N, C-alpha and C. Protein backbone atom coordinates (compact mmCIF):
# COMPACT_ATOMS: atom_id res chain seq x y z
N MET A 1 44.12 20.00 -14.05
CA MET A 1 43.03 20.92 -14.07
C MET A 1 42.62 21.24 -15.50
N GLY A 2 43.55 21.24 -16.41
CA GLY A 2 43.26 21.56 -17.79
C GLY A 2 42.26 20.59 -18.40
N ALA A 3 42.41 19.28 -18.14
CA ALA A 3 41.49 18.29 -18.69
C ALA A 3 40.09 18.47 -18.11
N PHE A 4 40.00 18.81 -16.85
CA PHE A 4 38.70 19.01 -16.22
C PHE A 4 37.99 20.23 -16.81
N ALA A 5 38.73 21.29 -16.99
CA ALA A 5 38.14 22.52 -17.52
C ALA A 5 37.71 22.33 -18.97
N ARG A 6 38.49 21.57 -19.75
CA ARG A 6 38.15 21.38 -21.15
C ARG A 6 36.88 20.56 -21.32
N SER A 7 36.61 19.64 -20.39
CA SER A 7 35.48 18.74 -20.58
C SER A 7 34.13 19.45 -20.45
N SER A 8 34.06 20.55 -19.73
CA SER A 8 32.76 21.17 -19.53
C SER A 8 32.64 22.57 -20.11
N VAL A 9 33.72 23.15 -20.56
CA VAL A 9 33.68 24.52 -21.05
C VAL A 9 33.67 24.52 -22.57
N ASN A 10 32.90 25.42 -23.15
CA ASN A 10 32.85 25.66 -24.59
C ASN A 10 32.40 24.44 -25.41
N GLN A 11 31.61 23.57 -24.82
CA GLN A 11 31.06 22.45 -25.58
C GLN A 11 29.56 22.67 -25.73
N PRO A 12 29.04 22.45 -26.92
CA PRO A 12 27.60 22.66 -27.11
C PRO A 12 26.80 21.64 -26.31
N THR A 13 25.64 22.06 -25.86
CA THR A 13 24.76 21.18 -25.12
C THR A 13 24.09 20.22 -26.08
N LYS A 14 24.08 18.96 -25.74
CA LYS A 14 23.44 17.95 -26.59
C LYS A 14 21.98 17.82 -26.15
N HIS A 15 21.07 17.94 -27.10
CA HIS A 15 19.65 17.78 -26.82
C HIS A 15 19.22 16.43 -27.38
N LEU A 16 18.43 15.72 -26.60
CA LEU A 16 17.93 14.44 -27.05
C LEU A 16 16.70 14.67 -27.92
N PRO A 17 16.63 14.01 -29.07
CA PRO A 17 15.46 14.20 -29.93
C PRO A 17 14.21 13.61 -29.29
N THR A 18 13.09 14.30 -29.44
CA THR A 18 11.84 13.81 -28.88
C THR A 18 10.81 13.51 -29.95
N GLU A 19 11.13 13.81 -31.23
CA GLU A 19 10.18 13.53 -32.29
C GLU A 19 10.14 12.02 -32.52
N PRO A 20 8.94 11.51 -32.75
CA PRO A 20 8.86 10.07 -33.02
C PRO A 20 9.44 9.73 -34.38
N THR A 21 10.06 8.61 -34.47
CA THR A 21 10.60 8.11 -35.73
C THR A 21 9.80 6.88 -36.12
N ASP A 22 10.26 6.17 -37.16
CA ASP A 22 9.54 4.98 -37.59
C ASP A 22 9.52 3.92 -36.50
N GLU A 23 10.56 3.85 -35.71
CA GLU A 23 10.60 2.83 -34.66
C GLU A 23 10.11 3.39 -33.33
N GLY A 24 9.48 4.53 -33.32
CA GLY A 24 8.94 5.10 -32.09
C GLY A 24 9.84 6.22 -31.58
N PRO A 25 9.45 6.84 -30.47
CA PRO A 25 10.26 7.94 -29.94
C PRO A 25 11.60 7.43 -29.44
N ARG A 26 12.64 8.23 -29.65
CA ARG A 26 13.97 7.85 -29.20
C ARG A 26 14.10 8.28 -27.75
N ARG A 27 14.63 7.41 -26.96
CA ARG A 27 14.80 7.70 -25.54
C ARG A 27 16.24 7.48 -25.17
N HIS A 28 16.67 8.22 -24.16
CA HIS A 28 18.02 8.02 -23.68
C HIS A 28 18.05 6.80 -22.77
N LYS A 29 19.22 6.24 -22.59
CA LYS A 29 19.35 5.08 -21.73
C LYS A 29 19.00 5.45 -20.31
N SER A 30 18.25 4.57 -19.66
CA SER A 30 17.88 4.86 -18.28
C SER A 30 18.73 4.01 -17.34
N SER A 31 18.90 4.51 -16.17
CA SER A 31 19.71 3.80 -15.19
C SER A 31 18.91 2.64 -14.61
N PRO A 32 19.58 1.67 -13.99
CA PRO A 32 18.86 0.56 -13.36
C PRO A 32 17.90 1.05 -12.27
N LEU A 33 18.28 2.10 -11.57
CA LEU A 33 17.41 2.64 -10.53
C LEU A 33 16.14 3.23 -11.14
N ARG A 34 16.27 3.89 -12.28
CA ARG A 34 15.10 4.46 -12.96
C ARG A 34 14.19 3.35 -13.47
N ARG A 35 14.76 2.28 -14.03
CA ARG A 35 13.95 1.17 -14.50
C ARG A 35 13.21 0.51 -13.35
N LEU A 36 13.86 0.34 -12.20
CA LEU A 36 13.22 -0.23 -11.02
C LEU A 36 12.10 0.68 -10.54
N SER A 37 12.34 1.97 -10.55
CA SER A 37 11.32 2.93 -10.15
C SER A 37 10.11 2.87 -11.08
N ASP A 38 10.35 2.72 -12.37
CA ASP A 38 9.25 2.61 -13.33
C ASP A 38 8.45 1.34 -13.09
N ARG A 39 9.12 0.26 -12.78
CA ARG A 39 8.41 -1.00 -12.51
C ARG A 39 7.60 -0.92 -11.23
N LEU A 40 8.15 -0.29 -10.20
CA LEU A 40 7.44 -0.19 -8.93
C LEU A 40 6.34 0.85 -8.96
N SER A 41 6.36 1.75 -9.94
CA SER A 41 5.32 2.78 -10.01
C SER A 41 3.95 2.17 -10.29
N VAL A 42 3.91 0.94 -10.78
CA VAL A 42 2.65 0.26 -11.00
C VAL A 42 1.94 0.05 -9.66
N LEU A 43 2.69 -0.14 -8.59
CA LEU A 43 2.09 -0.39 -7.28
C LEU A 43 1.63 0.89 -6.59
N ALA A 44 2.07 2.02 -7.06
CA ALA A 44 1.67 3.28 -6.42
C ALA A 44 0.24 3.61 -6.81
N PRO A 45 -0.56 3.98 -5.82
CA PRO A 45 -1.95 4.28 -6.14
C PRO A 45 -2.06 5.51 -7.02
N SER A 46 -2.99 5.47 -7.93
CA SER A 46 -3.23 6.63 -8.78
C SER A 46 -4.56 7.25 -8.37
N GLY A 47 -4.66 8.52 -8.45
CA GLY A 47 -5.89 9.21 -8.09
C GLY A 47 -5.86 9.67 -6.65
N ARG A 48 -6.59 10.75 -6.42
CA ARG A 48 -6.61 11.33 -5.08
C ARG A 48 -7.31 10.43 -4.08
N THR A 49 -8.37 9.75 -4.51
CA THR A 49 -9.12 8.88 -3.60
C THR A 49 -8.24 7.75 -3.10
N SER A 50 -7.51 7.11 -4.00
CA SER A 50 -6.68 5.99 -3.60
C SER A 50 -5.56 6.43 -2.67
N ARG A 51 -4.95 7.57 -2.95
CA ARG A 51 -3.90 8.06 -2.07
C ARG A 51 -4.47 8.43 -0.71
N ALA A 52 -5.66 8.98 -0.68
CA ALA A 52 -6.29 9.34 0.59
C ALA A 52 -6.63 8.09 1.40
N LEU A 53 -6.97 7.00 0.73
CA LEU A 53 -7.31 5.77 1.43
C LEU A 53 -6.10 5.16 2.13
N LEU A 54 -4.90 5.49 1.69
CA LEU A 54 -3.70 4.95 2.33
C LEU A 54 -3.54 5.44 3.77
N ILE A 55 -4.28 6.46 4.16
CA ILE A 55 -4.19 6.95 5.53
C ILE A 55 -4.72 5.90 6.51
N PHE A 56 -5.67 5.09 6.09
CA PHE A 56 -6.26 4.11 7.01
C PHE A 56 -5.28 3.02 7.45
N PRO A 57 -4.58 2.34 6.53
CA PRO A 57 -3.61 1.36 7.02
C PRO A 57 -2.45 2.02 7.76
N LEU A 58 -2.07 3.22 7.35
CA LEU A 58 -0.99 3.92 8.06
C LEU A 58 -1.43 4.28 9.48
N LEU A 59 -2.67 4.73 9.63
CA LEU A 59 -3.20 5.05 10.95
C LEU A 59 -3.27 3.81 11.83
N ALA A 60 -3.74 2.71 11.26
CA ALA A 60 -3.83 1.47 12.03
C ALA A 60 -2.45 0.98 12.44
N ALA A 61 -1.49 1.05 11.54
CA ALA A 61 -0.13 0.60 11.86
C ALA A 61 0.50 1.50 12.92
N ALA A 62 0.32 2.81 12.80
CA ALA A 62 0.88 3.74 13.79
C ALA A 62 0.24 3.53 15.16
N PHE A 63 -1.06 3.30 15.19
CA PHE A 63 -1.73 3.06 16.46
C PHE A 63 -1.23 1.77 17.10
N TYR A 64 -1.09 0.72 16.30
CA TYR A 64 -0.60 -0.54 16.85
C TYR A 64 0.82 -0.36 17.41
N MET A 65 1.68 0.31 16.68
CA MET A 65 3.05 0.50 17.16
C MET A 65 3.08 1.33 18.44
N ALA A 66 2.20 2.32 18.56
CA ALA A 66 2.14 3.12 19.79
C ALA A 66 1.72 2.26 20.97
N VAL A 67 0.70 1.42 20.77
CA VAL A 67 0.26 0.53 21.85
C VAL A 67 1.36 -0.47 22.19
N SER A 68 2.01 -1.01 21.18
CA SER A 68 3.07 -1.99 21.41
C SER A 68 4.23 -1.38 22.19
N LEU A 69 4.67 -0.21 21.78
CA LEU A 69 5.77 0.45 22.50
C LEU A 69 5.37 0.84 23.92
N TYR A 70 4.11 1.23 24.11
CA TYR A 70 3.64 1.59 25.44
C TYR A 70 3.64 0.36 26.35
N LEU A 71 3.21 -0.77 25.83
CA LEU A 71 3.17 -1.99 26.64
C LEU A 71 4.56 -2.50 26.98
N ARG A 72 5.52 -2.24 26.11
CA ARG A 72 6.86 -2.78 26.31
C ARG A 72 7.83 -1.77 26.91
N ARG A 73 7.36 -0.64 27.35
CA ARG A 73 8.24 0.41 27.85
C ARG A 73 9.02 -0.02 29.08
N ASN A 74 8.44 -0.85 29.93
CA ASN A 74 9.12 -1.31 31.14
C ASN A 74 9.37 -2.81 31.12
N ALA A 75 9.39 -3.40 29.95
CA ALA A 75 9.60 -4.84 29.85
C ALA A 75 11.00 -5.20 30.34
N PRO A 76 11.12 -6.27 31.14
CA PRO A 76 12.44 -6.62 31.68
C PRO A 76 13.45 -7.03 30.61
N GLY A 77 13.03 -7.63 29.53
CA GLY A 77 13.96 -8.07 28.50
C GLY A 77 14.26 -7.02 27.47
N GLY A 78 13.56 -5.91 27.54
CA GLY A 78 13.77 -4.87 26.54
C GLY A 78 13.05 -5.20 25.26
N TYR A 79 13.46 -4.58 24.21
CA TYR A 79 12.85 -4.77 22.90
C TYR A 79 13.75 -5.69 22.10
N ASP A 80 13.54 -7.00 22.21
CA ASP A 80 14.42 -7.98 21.58
C ASP A 80 13.87 -8.43 20.24
N GLY A 81 14.52 -9.41 19.66
CA GLY A 81 14.15 -9.90 18.34
C GLY A 81 12.76 -10.52 18.30
N PHE A 82 12.34 -11.17 19.37
CA PHE A 82 11.00 -11.76 19.40
C PHE A 82 9.94 -10.67 19.33
N ASN A 83 10.15 -9.58 20.05
CA ASN A 83 9.19 -8.48 20.03
C ASN A 83 9.12 -7.85 18.64
N VAL A 84 10.24 -7.74 17.97
CA VAL A 84 10.25 -7.20 16.61
C VAL A 84 9.47 -8.13 15.68
N ALA A 85 9.66 -9.44 15.84
CA ALA A 85 8.95 -10.41 15.00
C ALA A 85 7.44 -10.33 15.24
N ILE A 86 7.02 -10.20 16.49
CA ILE A 86 5.59 -10.08 16.80
C ILE A 86 5.03 -8.80 16.21
N ASP A 87 5.79 -7.71 16.30
CA ASP A 87 5.31 -6.45 15.73
C ASP A 87 5.18 -6.54 14.21
N LEU A 88 6.14 -7.16 13.56
CA LEU A 88 6.05 -7.32 12.10
C LEU A 88 4.86 -8.21 11.73
N TYR A 89 4.63 -9.25 12.51
CA TYR A 89 3.49 -10.14 12.31
C TYR A 89 2.19 -9.35 12.43
N ASN A 90 2.12 -8.46 13.40
CA ASN A 90 0.91 -7.68 13.60
C ASN A 90 0.74 -6.56 12.57
N LEU A 91 1.80 -6.17 11.90
CA LEU A 91 1.71 -5.13 10.87
C LEU A 91 1.38 -5.68 9.49
N LEU A 92 1.44 -7.00 9.32
CA LEU A 92 1.17 -7.60 8.00
C LEU A 92 -0.21 -7.24 7.44
N PRO A 93 -1.30 -7.28 8.23
CA PRO A 93 -2.59 -6.90 7.65
C PRO A 93 -2.64 -5.45 7.16
N ALA A 94 -1.99 -4.54 7.87
CA ALA A 94 -1.97 -3.15 7.42
C ALA A 94 -1.21 -3.03 6.09
N LEU A 95 -0.12 -3.78 5.96
CA LEU A 95 0.62 -3.78 4.69
C LEU A 95 -0.22 -4.40 3.58
N ALA A 96 -0.97 -5.47 3.92
CA ALA A 96 -1.83 -6.11 2.92
C ALA A 96 -2.94 -5.16 2.47
N LEU A 97 -3.49 -4.38 3.41
CA LEU A 97 -4.52 -3.43 3.03
C LEU A 97 -3.94 -2.32 2.15
N ALA A 98 -2.75 -1.86 2.47
CA ALA A 98 -2.10 -0.84 1.63
C ALA A 98 -1.86 -1.39 0.22
N PHE A 99 -1.44 -2.64 0.12
CA PHE A 99 -1.25 -3.27 -1.18
C PHE A 99 -2.58 -3.41 -1.92
N LEU A 100 -3.65 -3.76 -1.19
CA LEU A 100 -4.96 -3.89 -1.80
C LEU A 100 -5.45 -2.55 -2.33
N ILE A 101 -5.19 -1.48 -1.58
CA ILE A 101 -5.59 -0.15 -2.04
C ILE A 101 -4.84 0.23 -3.31
N SER A 102 -3.54 -0.02 -3.33
CA SER A 102 -2.77 0.32 -4.52
C SER A 102 -3.17 -0.56 -5.71
N LEU A 103 -3.46 -1.82 -5.45
CA LEU A 103 -3.89 -2.71 -6.52
C LEU A 103 -5.27 -2.32 -7.04
N SER A 104 -6.16 -1.96 -6.14
CA SER A 104 -7.52 -1.63 -6.56
C SER A 104 -7.57 -0.34 -7.36
N SER A 105 -6.62 0.54 -7.15
CA SER A 105 -6.63 1.79 -7.92
C SER A 105 -6.24 1.56 -9.37
N HIS A 106 -5.56 0.46 -9.65
CA HIS A 106 -5.14 0.18 -11.03
C HIS A 106 -5.98 -0.92 -11.66
N GLN A 107 -6.15 -2.01 -10.95
CA GLN A 107 -6.78 -3.18 -11.54
C GLN A 107 -8.30 -3.18 -11.37
N THR A 108 -8.77 -2.85 -10.20
CA THR A 108 -10.20 -2.94 -9.91
C THR A 108 -10.73 -1.57 -9.50
N ALA A 109 -10.55 -0.59 -10.36
CA ALA A 109 -10.92 0.78 -10.01
C ALA A 109 -12.40 0.91 -9.71
N LYS A 110 -13.21 0.06 -10.24
CA LYS A 110 -14.65 0.13 -9.97
C LYS A 110 -14.99 -0.41 -8.59
N GLY A 111 -14.04 -1.05 -7.92
CA GLY A 111 -14.27 -1.58 -6.59
C GLY A 111 -13.78 -0.66 -5.47
N ILE A 112 -13.41 0.57 -5.81
CA ILE A 112 -12.89 1.51 -4.82
C ILE A 112 -13.89 1.78 -3.69
N PRO A 113 -15.21 1.90 -3.94
CA PRO A 113 -16.12 2.13 -2.81
C PRO A 113 -16.07 1.01 -1.76
N VAL A 114 -15.93 -0.21 -2.21
CA VAL A 114 -15.82 -1.33 -1.27
C VAL A 114 -14.52 -1.24 -0.49
N VAL A 115 -13.45 -0.88 -1.18
CA VAL A 115 -12.16 -0.76 -0.51
C VAL A 115 -12.20 0.39 0.51
N ALA A 116 -12.89 1.46 0.18
CA ALA A 116 -13.01 2.58 1.12
C ALA A 116 -13.77 2.16 2.37
N ALA A 117 -14.90 1.50 2.18
CA ALA A 117 -15.68 1.03 3.34
C ALA A 117 -14.89 0.00 4.14
N GLY A 118 -14.21 -0.89 3.44
CA GLY A 118 -13.39 -1.90 4.13
C GLY A 118 -12.24 -1.28 4.89
N SER A 119 -11.68 -0.21 4.35
CA SER A 119 -10.58 0.48 5.04
C SER A 119 -11.08 1.11 6.33
N LEU A 120 -12.27 1.67 6.29
CA LEU A 120 -12.86 2.22 7.52
C LEU A 120 -13.11 1.14 8.56
N ILE A 121 -13.68 0.02 8.13
CA ILE A 121 -13.93 -1.10 9.05
C ILE A 121 -12.62 -1.62 9.60
N PHE A 122 -11.63 -1.79 8.73
CA PHE A 122 -10.31 -2.28 9.15
C PHE A 122 -9.72 -1.37 10.23
N THR A 123 -9.76 -0.07 10.00
CA THR A 123 -9.18 0.87 10.96
C THR A 123 -9.95 0.86 12.27
N ALA A 124 -11.27 0.79 12.19
CA ALA A 124 -12.07 0.74 13.42
C ALA A 124 -11.75 -0.51 14.24
N VAL A 125 -11.64 -1.65 13.58
CA VAL A 125 -11.30 -2.89 14.28
C VAL A 125 -9.87 -2.84 14.81
N ALA A 126 -8.97 -2.28 14.00
CA ALA A 126 -7.56 -2.22 14.40
C ALA A 126 -7.34 -1.26 15.57
N VAL A 127 -8.23 -0.32 15.78
CA VAL A 127 -8.12 0.59 16.93
C VAL A 127 -8.89 0.04 18.12
N TYR A 128 -10.08 -0.50 17.88
CA TYR A 128 -10.93 -0.96 18.99
C TYR A 128 -10.36 -2.19 19.69
N LEU A 129 -9.92 -3.19 18.93
CA LEU A 129 -9.47 -4.43 19.56
C LEU A 129 -8.23 -4.25 20.44
N PRO A 130 -7.18 -3.54 20.01
CA PRO A 130 -6.06 -3.34 20.95
C PRO A 130 -6.48 -2.56 22.20
N LEU A 131 -7.39 -1.61 22.04
CA LEU A 131 -7.86 -0.89 23.22
C LEU A 131 -8.62 -1.81 24.17
N SER A 132 -9.46 -2.69 23.62
CA SER A 132 -10.19 -3.61 24.48
C SER A 132 -9.26 -4.65 25.11
N ILE A 133 -8.22 -5.05 24.37
CA ILE A 133 -7.24 -5.96 24.95
C ILE A 133 -6.47 -5.26 26.06
N PHE A 134 -6.12 -4.03 25.81
CA PHE A 134 -5.33 -3.26 26.77
C PHE A 134 -6.10 -2.96 28.05
N THR A 135 -7.39 -2.72 27.95
CA THR A 135 -8.18 -2.37 29.12
C THR A 135 -8.83 -3.57 29.80
N SER A 136 -8.62 -4.76 29.29
CA SER A 136 -9.22 -5.96 29.87
C SER A 136 -8.55 -6.33 31.19
N ASP A 137 -9.34 -6.91 32.09
CA ASP A 137 -8.80 -7.38 33.38
C ASP A 137 -8.34 -8.83 33.32
N SER A 138 -8.57 -9.49 32.20
CA SER A 138 -8.20 -10.89 32.07
C SER A 138 -6.69 -11.04 31.97
N SER A 139 -6.19 -12.12 32.57
CA SER A 139 -4.75 -12.34 32.52
C SER A 139 -4.29 -12.85 31.16
N THR A 140 -5.20 -13.37 30.38
CA THR A 140 -4.83 -13.91 29.06
C THR A 140 -5.25 -12.97 27.93
N ALA A 141 -5.61 -11.74 28.24
CA ALA A 141 -6.06 -10.80 27.22
C ALA A 141 -4.96 -10.48 26.21
N VAL A 142 -3.71 -10.54 26.64
CA VAL A 142 -2.60 -10.21 25.74
C VAL A 142 -2.52 -11.20 24.59
N LEU A 143 -3.07 -12.39 24.77
CA LEU A 143 -3.09 -13.36 23.67
C LEU A 143 -3.90 -12.84 22.48
N GLY A 144 -4.73 -11.86 22.72
CA GLY A 144 -5.48 -11.25 21.63
C GLY A 144 -4.59 -10.65 20.57
N PHE A 145 -3.39 -10.21 20.96
CA PHE A 145 -2.46 -9.65 19.98
C PHE A 145 -1.97 -10.71 19.00
N LEU A 146 -2.02 -11.98 19.40
CA LEU A 146 -1.63 -13.05 18.47
C LEU A 146 -2.73 -13.31 17.44
N PHE A 147 -3.99 -13.09 17.85
CA PHE A 147 -5.10 -13.37 16.95
C PHE A 147 -5.58 -12.14 16.19
N LEU A 148 -5.13 -10.97 16.59
CA LEU A 148 -5.52 -9.73 15.92
C LEU A 148 -5.16 -9.72 14.43
N PRO A 149 -3.95 -10.12 14.05
CA PRO A 149 -3.63 -10.12 12.60
C PRO A 149 -4.49 -11.11 11.81
N LEU A 150 -4.89 -12.21 12.42
CA LEU A 150 -5.73 -13.16 11.71
C LEU A 150 -7.10 -12.55 11.43
N LEU A 151 -7.66 -11.86 12.41
CA LEU A 151 -8.95 -11.21 12.21
C LEU A 151 -8.84 -10.07 11.19
N LEU A 152 -7.81 -9.26 11.31
CA LEU A 152 -7.63 -8.16 10.36
C LEU A 152 -7.30 -8.67 8.97
N GLY A 153 -6.55 -9.75 8.89
CA GLY A 153 -6.27 -10.37 7.59
C GLY A 153 -7.54 -10.89 6.93
N THR A 154 -8.45 -11.43 7.74
CA THR A 154 -9.74 -11.87 7.21
C THR A 154 -10.53 -10.70 6.66
N VAL A 155 -10.50 -9.57 7.36
CA VAL A 155 -11.18 -8.36 6.87
C VAL A 155 -10.59 -7.95 5.52
N VAL A 156 -9.26 -7.97 5.39
CA VAL A 156 -8.62 -7.57 4.13
C VAL A 156 -9.00 -8.53 3.00
N ILE A 157 -9.04 -9.82 3.29
CA ILE A 157 -9.39 -10.80 2.26
C ILE A 157 -10.84 -10.61 1.81
N VAL A 158 -11.75 -10.42 2.76
CA VAL A 158 -13.16 -10.21 2.41
C VAL A 158 -13.32 -8.92 1.60
N VAL A 159 -12.66 -7.86 2.00
CA VAL A 159 -12.73 -6.59 1.27
C VAL A 159 -12.18 -6.77 -0.15
N GLY A 160 -11.06 -7.47 -0.28
CA GLY A 160 -10.49 -7.70 -1.61
C GLY A 160 -11.42 -8.50 -2.50
N LEU A 161 -12.04 -9.55 -1.95
CA LEU A 161 -12.97 -10.35 -2.75
C LEU A 161 -14.21 -9.55 -3.13
N LEU A 162 -14.73 -8.75 -2.20
CA LEU A 162 -15.89 -7.92 -2.52
C LEU A 162 -15.55 -6.86 -3.57
N ALA A 163 -14.34 -6.30 -3.50
CA ALA A 163 -13.92 -5.32 -4.51
C ALA A 163 -13.83 -5.97 -5.89
N LEU A 164 -13.27 -7.17 -5.94
CA LEU A 164 -13.20 -7.87 -7.23
C LEU A 164 -14.58 -8.21 -7.76
N LEU A 165 -15.48 -8.62 -6.86
CA LEU A 165 -16.85 -8.94 -7.27
C LEU A 165 -17.56 -7.70 -7.79
N LEU A 166 -17.44 -6.59 -7.09
CA LEU A 166 -18.07 -5.35 -7.55
C LEU A 166 -17.48 -4.91 -8.89
N HIS A 167 -16.18 -5.04 -9.04
CA HIS A 167 -15.54 -4.69 -10.31
C HIS A 167 -16.09 -5.56 -11.45
N ALA A 168 -16.21 -6.85 -11.19
CA ALA A 168 -16.70 -7.76 -12.23
C ALA A 168 -18.16 -7.44 -12.58
N VAL A 169 -18.98 -7.16 -11.58
CA VAL A 169 -20.39 -6.85 -11.84
C VAL A 169 -20.51 -5.54 -12.62
N ARG A 170 -19.77 -4.53 -12.21
CA ARG A 170 -19.84 -3.25 -12.93
C ARG A 170 -19.30 -3.37 -14.34
N SER A 171 -18.24 -4.15 -14.53
CA SER A 171 -17.69 -4.34 -15.87
C SER A 171 -18.68 -5.07 -16.76
N ARG A 172 -19.33 -6.09 -16.22
CA ARG A 172 -20.30 -6.85 -17.01
C ARG A 172 -21.50 -5.97 -17.36
N HIS A 173 -21.92 -5.14 -16.40
CA HIS A 173 -23.05 -4.24 -16.66
C HIS A 173 -22.70 -3.22 -17.74
N GLU A 174 -21.50 -2.67 -17.72
CA GLU A 174 -21.07 -1.72 -18.74
C GLU A 174 -20.94 -2.39 -20.10
N ASP A 175 -20.47 -3.65 -20.12
CA ASP A 175 -20.32 -4.36 -21.39
C ASP A 175 -21.69 -4.59 -22.05
N ARG A 176 -22.73 -4.83 -21.25
CA ARG A 176 -24.06 -5.08 -21.80
C ARG A 176 -24.74 -3.80 -22.25
N SER A 177 -24.39 -2.68 -21.61
CA SER A 177 -25.08 -1.43 -21.95
C SER A 177 -24.53 -0.80 -23.23
N VAL A 178 -23.37 -1.21 -23.69
CA VAL A 178 -22.80 -0.68 -24.92
C VAL A 178 -23.30 -1.52 -26.09
N PRO A 179 -23.99 -0.89 -27.05
CA PRO A 179 -24.48 -1.69 -28.19
C PRO A 179 -23.33 -2.16 -29.05
N PRO A 180 -23.47 -3.33 -29.65
CA PRO A 180 -22.39 -3.84 -30.51
C PRO A 180 -22.24 -2.96 -31.75
N PRO A 181 -21.02 -2.86 -32.28
CA PRO A 181 -20.81 -2.05 -33.49
C PRO A 181 -21.47 -2.69 -34.70
N ARG A 182 -21.89 -1.84 -35.65
CA ARG A 182 -22.56 -2.36 -36.86
C ARG A 182 -21.64 -2.39 -38.00
């Protein structure tokens, strides 16, 4: 007990210097978890608009999972590995849209209006198509769940390309409007 008590009692608190030096500000060593968090923070959307846009892929994914669980509630085989694989396959476009939103908030910030409109279209399609598949009288309507991610993935790709195009056009327009330095 004596060694434990000595280690924390009556020792001055060490403060890390924050003043910049010739080689820059001195920083304490960071843990591997902190370094990983710093690297992944690039993917986190910045700004209130971008964070608010994340509700659309989350809403679409939650709706799909609710429909999927409802359809499989009385399935004779239960919820097996194949069903999990199909669900993950169907969630890929929502994850791609979330990635596009986070990417557009950093890289193509001028394309946010296109991403917002595309997110609305994505969510509308992601809600309407499962409902139409679910309410259809056709015996092969369930096959629509196999093609749903392809259609939603196409929406995400088109939205991403339009966002990049709008960003490029706005950037070029801003570059021309600034007079060259004399």
